[in-house]
Amino acid sequence: MHSRRSYVSVTVLNGFIYALGGYDGHVRLSSAERYQPELNLWSLIAPMHEQRSDASCTTLNNRIYICGGLNGNECLQTAEYYNPESNQWTMISPMNSRRSGIGVIAYADHVFAVRPQSSADTHVGGFDGNNYLRTAEAYNPHTNTWNLVFSMLTPRSNFGIEVIDERLFVVGGFNGFTTTSDVEYYTALTNEWYEALSLHCTNQTQNVGMLANIIVHP
């Protein structure tokens, strides 16, 4: 890549791998780049409006949404999206809470953001600078508004998140005291969270993926 990046946000859109923000060992980054596998080439794209590490991102309707994170001074409440056709970032309405270490995923045509604390995008759980969160909210791109959804059963940050069979799963993470093996899932049909079978070991700062309709984690 063009920059060293830890705590970076990564997603895939239209055959490109995007690496957004992160921490280079000195400062939080607003820069972003994408990788084209056919050419084995990284190219810089327009920088974000905010410096962000420990954020999370997802894709919805040919846009990349990134939410929350750290700017080096505080947890962020802001969110923005990238349009690859215009190579531009646009700020959207801020979330209801500051969140880093959150999970962000496209689900039910919304962007869901899940954070820990004592067809839309959703953010789930996270850390607001003081508390580990179990709250969650969903962004409606048609109205540019965030709405709270039912809270998770367990507060957590730095967890895995994936959608499978119309359910939104969160896996492992850190609850403010220790790493956790707890797994739960949310369904938009009931607006409720349910317990799922726990992991065999505790994990935090993890990624999960889906293979043949099975959730897998490293």
C-alpha atoms as a PDB file:
ATOM      1  CA  MET A   1       0.000   0.000   0.000  1.00  0.00           C
ATOM      2  CA  HIS A   2       0.995   3.638  -0.212  1.00  0.00           C
ATOM      3  CA  SER A   3       0.839   4.030   3.595  1.00  0.00           C
ATOM      4  CA  ARG A   4       1.386   1.890   6.669  1.00  0.00           C
ATOM      5  CA  ARG A   5      -2.055   1.187   8.138  1.00  0.00           C
ATOM      6  CA  SER A   6      -3.124  -0.551  11.328  1.00  0.00           C
ATOM      7  CA  TYR A   7      -6.681  -0.471  12.690  1.00  0.00           C
ATOM      8  CA  VAL A   8      -7.685   0.085   9.062  1.00  0.00           C
ATOM      9  CA  SER A   9     -11.204  -0.321   7.625  1.00  0.00           C
ATOM     10  CA  VAL A  10     -11.413  -2.689   4.629  1.00  0.00           C
ATOM     11  CA  THR A  11     -14.229  -3.528   2.225  1.00  0.00           C
ATOM     12  CA  VAL A  12     -14.790  -4.755  -1.346  1.00  0.00           C
ATOM     13  CA  LEU A  13     -16.739  -2.933  -4.070  1.00  0.00           C
ATOM     14  CA  ASN A  14     -16.905  -3.653  -7.817  1.00  0.00           C
ATOM     15  CA  GLY A  15     -13.853  -5.899  -7.778  1.00  0.00           C
ATOM     16  CA  PHE A  16     -11.623  -3.478  -5.844  1.00  0.00           C
ATOM     17  CA  ILE A  17     -10.341  -3.913  -2.282  1.00  0.00           C
ATOM     18  CA  TYR A  18     -10.570  -0.610  -0.391  1.00  0.00           C
ATOM     19  CA  ALA A  19      -8.353   0.295   2.592  1.00  0.00           C
ATOM     20  CA  LEU A  20      -9.648   3.351   4.444  1.00  0.00           C
ATOM     21  CA  GLY A  21      -7.896   5.394   7.111  1.00  0.00           C
ATOM     22  CA  GLY A  22      -6.060   3.636   9.917  1.00  0.00           C
ATOM     23  CA  TYR A  23      -3.036   4.456  12.068  1.00  0.00           C
ATOM     24  CA  ASP A  24       0.496   4.654  10.649  1.00  0.00           C
ATOM     25  CA  GLY A  25       2.288   4.583  14.005  1.00  0.00           C
ATOM     26  CA  HIS A  26       2.259   8.364  14.324  1.00  0.00           C
ATOM     27  CA  VAL A  27      -1.127   9.773  13.282  1.00  0.00           C
ATOM     28  CA  ARG A  28      -4.625   8.668  12.353  1.00  0.00           C
ATOM     29  CA  LEU A  29      -5.137   8.790   8.599  1.00  0.00           C
ATOM     30  CA  SER A  30      -7.775  10.319   6.347  1.00  0.00           C
ATOM     31  CA  SER A  31      -6.160   8.873   3.225  1.00  0.00           C
ATOM     32  CA  ALA A  32      -7.660   5.919   1.381  1.00  0.00           C
ATOM     33  CA  GLU A  33      -6.601   3.598  -1.418  1.00  0.00           C
ATOM     34  CA  ARG A  34      -7.854   0.652  -3.408  1.00  0.00           C
ATOM     35  CA  TYR A  35      -6.305  -2.498  -4.833  1.00  0.00           C
ATOM     36  CA  GLN A  36      -6.979  -3.857  -8.314  1.00  0.00           C
ATOM     37  CA  PRO A  37      -6.145  -7.596  -8.298  1.00  0.00           C
ATOM     38  CA  GLU A  38      -5.876  -7.919 -12.096  1.00  0.00           C
ATOM     39  CA  LEU A  39      -3.062  -5.354 -12.186  1.00  0.00           C
ATOM     40  CA  ASN A  40      -1.636  -6.073  -8.721  1.00  0.00           C
ATOM     41  CA  LEU A  41      -1.813  -2.325  -8.174  1.00  0.00           C
ATOM     42  CA  TRP A  42      -2.748   0.001  -5.286  1.00  0.00           C
ATOM     43  CA  SER A  43      -4.080   3.455  -6.233  1.00  0.00           C
ATOM     44  CA  LEU A  44      -4.893   6.392  -3.982  1.00  0.00           C
ATOM     45  CA  ILE A  45      -8.475   7.680  -3.988  1.00  0.00           C
ATOM     46  CA  ALA A  46      -9.884  10.898  -2.556  1.00  0.00           C
ATOM     47  CA  PRO A  47      -9.166  11.299   1.181  1.00  0.00           C
ATOM     48  CA  MET A  48     -11.977  11.136   3.718  1.00  0.00           C
ATOM     49  CA  HIS A  49     -13.221  14.255   5.491  1.00  0.00           C
ATOM     50  CA  GLU A  50     -12.133  12.818   8.865  1.00  0.00           C
ATOM     51  CA  GLN A  51      -8.988  11.127  10.132  1.00  0.00           C
ATOM     52  CA  ARG A  52     -10.154   7.672  11.320  1.00  0.00           C
ATOM     53  CA  SER A  53      -8.710   4.531  12.813  1.00  0.00           C
ATOM     54  CA  ASP A  54     -10.755   1.818  14.589  1.00  0.00           C
ATOM     55  CA  ALA A  55     -13.729   2.666  12.341  1.00  0.00           C
ATOM     56  CA  SER A  56     -15.833   0.214  10.365  1.00  0.00           C
ATOM     57  CA  CYS A  57     -17.208   0.262   6.832  1.00  0.00           C
ATOM     58  CA  THR A  58     -19.636  -1.489   4.516  1.00  0.00           C
ATOM     59  CA  THR A  59     -21.088  -1.152   1.022  1.00  0.00           C
ATOM     60  CA  LEU A  60     -24.668  -0.371   0.058  1.00  0.00           C
ATOM     61  CA  ASN A  61     -26.120   0.723  -3.292  1.00  0.00           C
ATOM     62  CA  ASN A  62     -22.687   1.174  -4.914  1.00  0.00           C
ATOM     63  CA  ARG A  63     -21.435   3.384  -2.064  1.00  0.00           C
ATOM     64  CA  ILE A  64     -18.921   2.755   0.712  1.00  0.00           C
ATOM     65  CA  TYR A  65     -20.081   3.895   4.154  1.00  0.00           C
ATOM     66  CA  ILE A  66     -17.604   4.393   7.001  1.00  0.00           C
ATOM     67  CA  CYS A  67     -18.702   5.199  10.547  1.00  0.00           C
ATOM     68  CA  GLY A  68     -17.128   6.247  13.822  1.00  0.00           C
ATOM     69  CA  GLY A  69     -13.567   5.493  14.851  1.00  0.00           C
ATOM     70  CA  LEU A  70     -10.826   7.512  16.548  1.00  0.00           C
ATOM     71  CA  ASN A  71      -9.181  10.696  15.282  1.00  0.00           C
ATOM     72  CA  GLY A  72      -6.367  10.693  17.844  1.00  0.00           C
ATOM     73  CA  ASN A  73      -8.223  12.868  20.323  1.00  0.00           C
ATOM     74  CA  GLU A  74     -11.711  11.399  20.697  1.00  0.00           C
ATOM     75  CA  CYS A  75     -14.171   8.782  19.535  1.00  0.00           C
ATOM     76  CA  LEU A  76     -16.081   9.945  16.483  1.00  0.00           C
ATOM     77  CA  GLN A  77     -19.810  10.301  15.981  1.00  0.00           C
ATOM     78  CA  THR A  78     -19.484  11.186  12.303  1.00  0.00           C
ATOM     79  CA  ALA A  79     -20.069   9.048   9.213  1.00  0.00           C
ATOM     80  CA  GLU A  80     -19.507   9.534   5.488  1.00  0.00           C
ATOM     81  CA  TYR A  81     -19.832   7.675   2.194  1.00  0.00           C
ATOM     82  CA  TYR A  82     -17.654   7.316  -0.899  1.00  0.00           C
ATOM     83  CA  ASN A  83     -18.990   7.408  -4.457  1.00  0.00           C
ATOM     84  CA  PRO A  84     -16.525   5.601  -6.771  1.00  0.00           C
ATOM     85  CA  GLU A  85     -18.046   7.184  -9.872  1.00  0.00           C
ATOM     86  CA  SER A  86     -17.246  10.732  -8.740  1.00  0.00           C
ATOM     87  CA  ASN A  87     -14.311   9.836  -6.463  1.00  0.00           C
ATOM     88  CA  GLN A  88     -15.885  11.961  -3.714  1.00  0.00           C
ATOM     89  CA  TRP A  89     -16.670  11.561  -0.018  1.00  0.00           C
ATOM     90  CA  THR A  90     -19.901  13.035   1.395  1.00  0.00           C
ATOM     91  CA  MET A  91     -20.700  13.518   5.079  1.00  0.00           C
ATOM     92  CA  ILE A  92     -24.022  12.092   6.282  1.00  0.00           C
ATOM     93  CA  SER A  93     -25.980  12.694   9.483  1.00  0.00           C
ATOM     94  CA  PRO A  94     -23.919  11.819  12.576  1.00  0.00           C
ATOM     95  CA  MET A  95     -24.772   8.762  14.627  1.00  0.00           C
ATOM     96  CA  ASN A  96     -26.607   9.099  17.921  1.00  0.00           C
ATOM     97  CA  SER A  97     -23.467   8.090  19.853  1.00  0.00           C
ATOM     98  CA  ARG A  98     -19.713   8.295  19.506  1.00  0.00           C
ATOM     99  CA  ARG A  99     -18.367   4.869  18.529  1.00  0.00           C
ATOM    100  CA  SER A 100     -15.015   3.203  17.939  1.00  0.00           C
ATOM    101  CA  GLY A 101     -14.391  -0.508  17.634  1.00  0.00           C
ATOM    102  CA  ILE A 102     -17.882  -0.799  16.200  1.00  0.00           C
ATOM    103  CA  GLY A 103     -19.404  -3.204  13.725  1.00  0.00           C
ATOM    104  CA  VAL A 104     -20.927  -1.732  10.560  1.00  0.00           C
ATOM    105  CA  ILE A 105     -22.787  -3.795   7.979  1.00  0.00           C
ATOM    106  CA  ALA A 106     -25.462  -3.399   5.304  1.00  0.00           C
ATOM    107  CA  TYR A 107     -28.629  -5.217   6.304  1.00  0.00           C
ATOM    108  CA  ALA A 108     -32.292  -4.842   5.328  1.00  0.00           C
ATOM    109  CA  ASP A 109     -31.450  -1.894   3.028  1.00  0.00           C
ATOM    110  CA  HIS A 110     -29.951   0.048   5.956  1.00  0.00           C
ATOM    111  CA  VAL A 111     -26.450   0.607   7.317  1.00  0.00           C
ATOM    112  CA  PHE A 112     -26.335  -0.920  10.810  1.00  0.00           C
ATOM    113  CA  ALA A 113     -23.841   0.350  13.360  1.00  0.00           C
ATOM    114  CA  VAL A 114     -23.461  -1.723  16.507  1.00  0.00           C
ATOM    115  CA  ARG A 115     -21.493  -0.431  19.452  1.00  0.00           C
ATOM    116  CA  PRO A 116     -20.924  -1.495  23.089  1.00  0.00           C
ATOM    117  CA  GLN A 117     -22.075   0.792  25.949  1.00  0.00           C
ATOM    118  CA  SER A 118     -22.839   0.375  29.830  1.00  0.00           C
ATOM    119  CA  SER A 119     -32.702  -1.409   3.293  1.00  0.00           C
ATOM    120  CA  ALA A 120     -30.253   0.602   5.399  1.00  0.00           C
ATOM    121  CA  ASP A 121     -26.791   0.671   7.139  1.00  0.00           C
ATOM    122  CA  THR A 122     -26.501  -0.407  10.776  1.00  0.00           C
ATOM    123  CA  HIS A 123     -23.766   0.168  13.389  1.00  0.00           C
ATOM    124  CA  VAL A 124     -23.604  -2.100  16.403  1.00  0.00           C
ATOM    125  CA  GLY A 125     -21.832  -1.902  19.767  1.00  0.00           C
ATOM    126  CA  GLY A 126     -18.435  -0.303  20.229  1.00  0.00           C
ATOM    127  CA  PHE A 127     -16.718   2.049  22.670  1.00  0.00           C
ATOM    128  CA  ASP A 128     -17.776   5.686  23.158  1.00  0.00           C
ATOM    129  CA  GLY A 129     -14.654   6.768  25.061  1.00  0.00           C
ATOM    130  CA  ASN A 130     -16.165   5.909  28.441  1.00  0.00           C
ATOM    131  CA  ASN A 131     -18.367   2.830  28.125  1.00  0.00           C
ATOM    132  CA  TYR A 132     -18.556  -0.411  26.189  1.00  0.00           C
ATOM    133  CA  LEU A 133     -21.835  -0.382  24.341  1.00  0.00           C
ATOM    134  CA  ARG A 134     -24.586  -2.823  23.482  1.00  0.00           C
ATOM    135  CA  THR A 135     -26.677  -0.289  21.587  1.00  0.00           C
ATOM    136  CA  ALA A 136     -27.283  -0.420  17.868  1.00  0.00           C
ATOM    137  CA  GLU A 137     -28.640   1.987  15.287  1.00  0.00           C
ATOM    138  CA  ALA A 138     -29.576   1.879  11.623  1.00  0.00           C
ATOM    139  CA  TYR A 139     -29.041   4.496   8.928  1.00  0.00           C
ATOM    140  CA  ASN A 140     -31.666   5.017   6.248  1.00  0.00           C
ATOM    141  CA  PRO A 141     -29.951   6.454   3.138  1.00  0.00           C
ATOM    142  CA  HIS A 142     -33.288   7.615   1.703  1.00  0.00           C
ATOM    143  CA  THR A 143     -34.025   9.922   4.657  1.00  0.00           C
ATOM    144  CA  ASN A 144     -30.433  10.533   5.881  1.00  0.00           C
ATOM    145  CA  THR A 145     -31.464   9.588   9.420  1.00  0.00           C
ATOM    146  CA  TRP A 146     -30.212   7.217  12.137  1.00  0.00           C
ATOM    147  CA  ASN A 147     -32.709   5.311  14.277  1.00  0.00           C
ATOM    148  CA  LEU A 148     -31.986   3.238  17.378  1.00  0.00           C
ATOM    149  CA  VAL A 149     -32.823  -0.448  17.193  1.00  0.00           C
ATOM    150  CA  PHE A 150     -33.122  -2.982  20.005  1.00  0.00           C
ATOM    151  CA  SER A 151     -29.923  -3.261  22.094  1.00  0.00           C
ATOM    152  CA  MET A 152     -27.644  -6.280  22.017  1.00  0.00           C
ATOM    153  CA  LEU A 153     -27.773  -8.763  24.894  1.00  0.00           C
ATOM    154  CA  THR A 154     -24.064  -8.285  25.686  1.00  0.00           C
ATOM    155  CA  PRO A 155     -21.987  -5.075  25.526  1.00  0.00           C
ATOM    156  CA  ARG A 156     -18.911  -5.524  23.347  1.00  0.00           C
ATOM    157  CA  SER A 157     -16.414  -3.847  21.041  1.00  0.00           C
ATOM    158  CA  ASN A 158     -13.938  -5.149  18.438  1.00  0.00           C
ATOM    159  CA  PHE A 159     -16.146  -8.055  17.405  1.00  0.00           C
ATOM    160  CA  GLY A 160     -16.894  -9.862  14.174  1.00  0.00           C
ATOM    161  CA  ILE A 161     -20.108  -9.091  12.284  1.00  0.00           C
ATOM    162  CA  GLU A 162     -21.791 -10.841   9.331  1.00  0.00           C
ATOM    163  CA  VAL A 163     -25.219 -11.311   7.750  1.00  0.00           C
ATOM    164  CA  ILE A 164     -26.469 -14.783   6.856  1.00  0.00           C
ATOM    165  CA  ASP A 165     -29.991 -16.048   6.119  1.00  0.00           C
ATOM    166  CA  GLU A 166     -31.549 -12.642   6.902  1.00  0.00           C
ATOM    167  CA  ARG A 167     -29.911 -12.581  10.333  1.00  0.00           C
ATOM    168  CA  LEU A 168     -27.214 -10.207  11.589  1.00  0.00           C
ATOM    169  CA  PHE A 169     -24.636 -12.081  13.705  1.00  0.00           C
ATOM    170  CA  VAL A 170     -22.086 -10.556  16.113  1.00  0.00           C
ATOM    171  CA  VAL A 171     -19.242 -12.801  17.269  1.00  0.00           C
ATOM    172  CA  GLY A 172     -16.846 -12.501  20.219  1.00  0.00           C
ATOM    173  CA  GLY A 173     -15.238  -9.175  21.141  1.00  0.00           C
ATOM    174  CA  PHE A 174     -14.253  -7.359  24.344  1.00  0.00           C
ATOM    175  CA  ASN A 175     -16.861  -6.475  26.982  1.00  0.00           C
ATOM    176  CA  GLY A 176     -14.812  -3.989  29.006  1.00  0.00           C
ATOM    177  CA  PHE A 177     -13.410  -6.637  31.349  1.00  0.00           C
ATOM    178  CA  THR A 178     -12.374  -9.593  29.240  1.00  0.00           C
ATOM    179  CA  THR A 179     -12.629 -11.126  25.792  1.00  0.00           C
ATOM    180  CA  THR A 180     -15.868 -12.987  25.208  1.00  0.00           C
ATOM    181  CA  SER A 181     -16.970 -16.084  23.324  1.00  0.00           C
ATOM    182  CA  ASP A 182     -20.618 -14.985  23.231  1.00  0.00           C
ATOM    183  CA  VAL A 183     -22.444 -14.988  19.892  1.00  0.00           C
ATOM    184  CA  GLU A 184     -25.852 -13.457  19.211  1.00  0.00           C
ATOM    185  CA  TYR A 185     -27.956 -12.507  16.215  1.00  0.00           C
ATOM    186  CA  TYR A 186     -30.518  -9.843  15.295  1.00  0.00           C
ATOM    187  CA  THR A 187     -33.482 -10.127  12.982  1.00  0.00           C
ATOM    188  CA  ALA A 188     -35.257  -7.107  11.535  1.00  0.00           C
ATOM    189  CA  LEU A 189     -38.546  -9.003  11.472  1.00  0.00           C
ATOM    190  CA  THR A 190     -38.822  -8.934  15.271  1.00  0.00           C
ATOM    191  CA  ASN A 191     -36.322  -6.140  16.083  1.00  0.00           C
ATOM    192  CA  GLU A 192     -34.804  -8.422  18.733  1.00  0.00           C
ATOM    193  CA  TRP A 193     -31.475 -10.115  19.541  1.00  0.00           C
ATOM    194  CA  TYR A 194     -31.184 -13.841  20.283  1.00  0.00           C
ATOM    195  CA  GLU A 195     -28.420 -15.972  21.795  1.00  0.00           C
ATOM    196  CA  ALA A 196     -26.508 -18.321  19.494  1.00  0.00           C
ATOM    197  CA  LEU A 197     -23.987 -21.060  20.265  1.00  0.00           C
ATOM    198  CA  SER A 198     -20.818 -19.586  21.811  1.00  0.00           C
ATOM    199  CA  LEU A 199     -17.348 -19.878  20.284  1.00  0.00           C
ATOM    200  CA  HIS A 200     -14.976 -22.582  21.521  1.00  0.00           C
ATOM    201  CA  CYS A 201     -12.482 -19.869  22.523  1.00  0.00           C
ATOM    202  CA  THR A 202     -12.615 -16.161  23.356  1.00  0.00           C
ATOM    203  CA  ASN A 203     -11.720 -13.639  20.651  1.00  0.00           C
ATOM    204  CA  GLN A 204     -11.547  -9.887  20.144  1.00  0.00           C
ATOM    205  CA  THR A 205     -10.478  -7.623  17.280  1.00  0.00           C
ATOM    206  CA  GLN A 206     -11.497 -10.401  14.936  1.00  0.00           C
ATOM    207  CA  ASN A 207     -12.941 -10.719  11.474  1.00  0.00           C
ATOM    208  CA  VAL A 208     -15.562 -13.183  10.361  1.00  0.00           C
ATOM    209  CA  GLY A 209     -16.691 -14.198   6.917  1.00  0.00           C
ATOM    210  CA  MET A 210     -19.231 -16.399   5.221  1.00  0.00           C
ATOM    211  CA  LEU A 211     -18.487 -19.542   3.239  1.00  0.00           C
ATOM    212  CA  ALA A 212     -21.261 -21.761   1.835  1.00  0.00           C
ATOM    213  CA  ASN A 213     -23.756 -20.166   4.242  1.00  0.00           C
ATOM    214  CA  ILE A 214     -21.504 -20.926   7.233  1.00  0.00           C
ATOM    215  CA  ILE A 215     -19.945 -18.199   9.393  1.00  0.00           C
ATOM    216  CA  VAL A 216     -16.209 -18.769   9.777  1.00  0.00           C
ATOM    217  CA  HIS A 217     -13.618 -16.961  11.881  1.00  0.00           C
ATOM    218  CA  PRO A 218      -9.811 -17.244  11.944  1.00  0.00           C
END
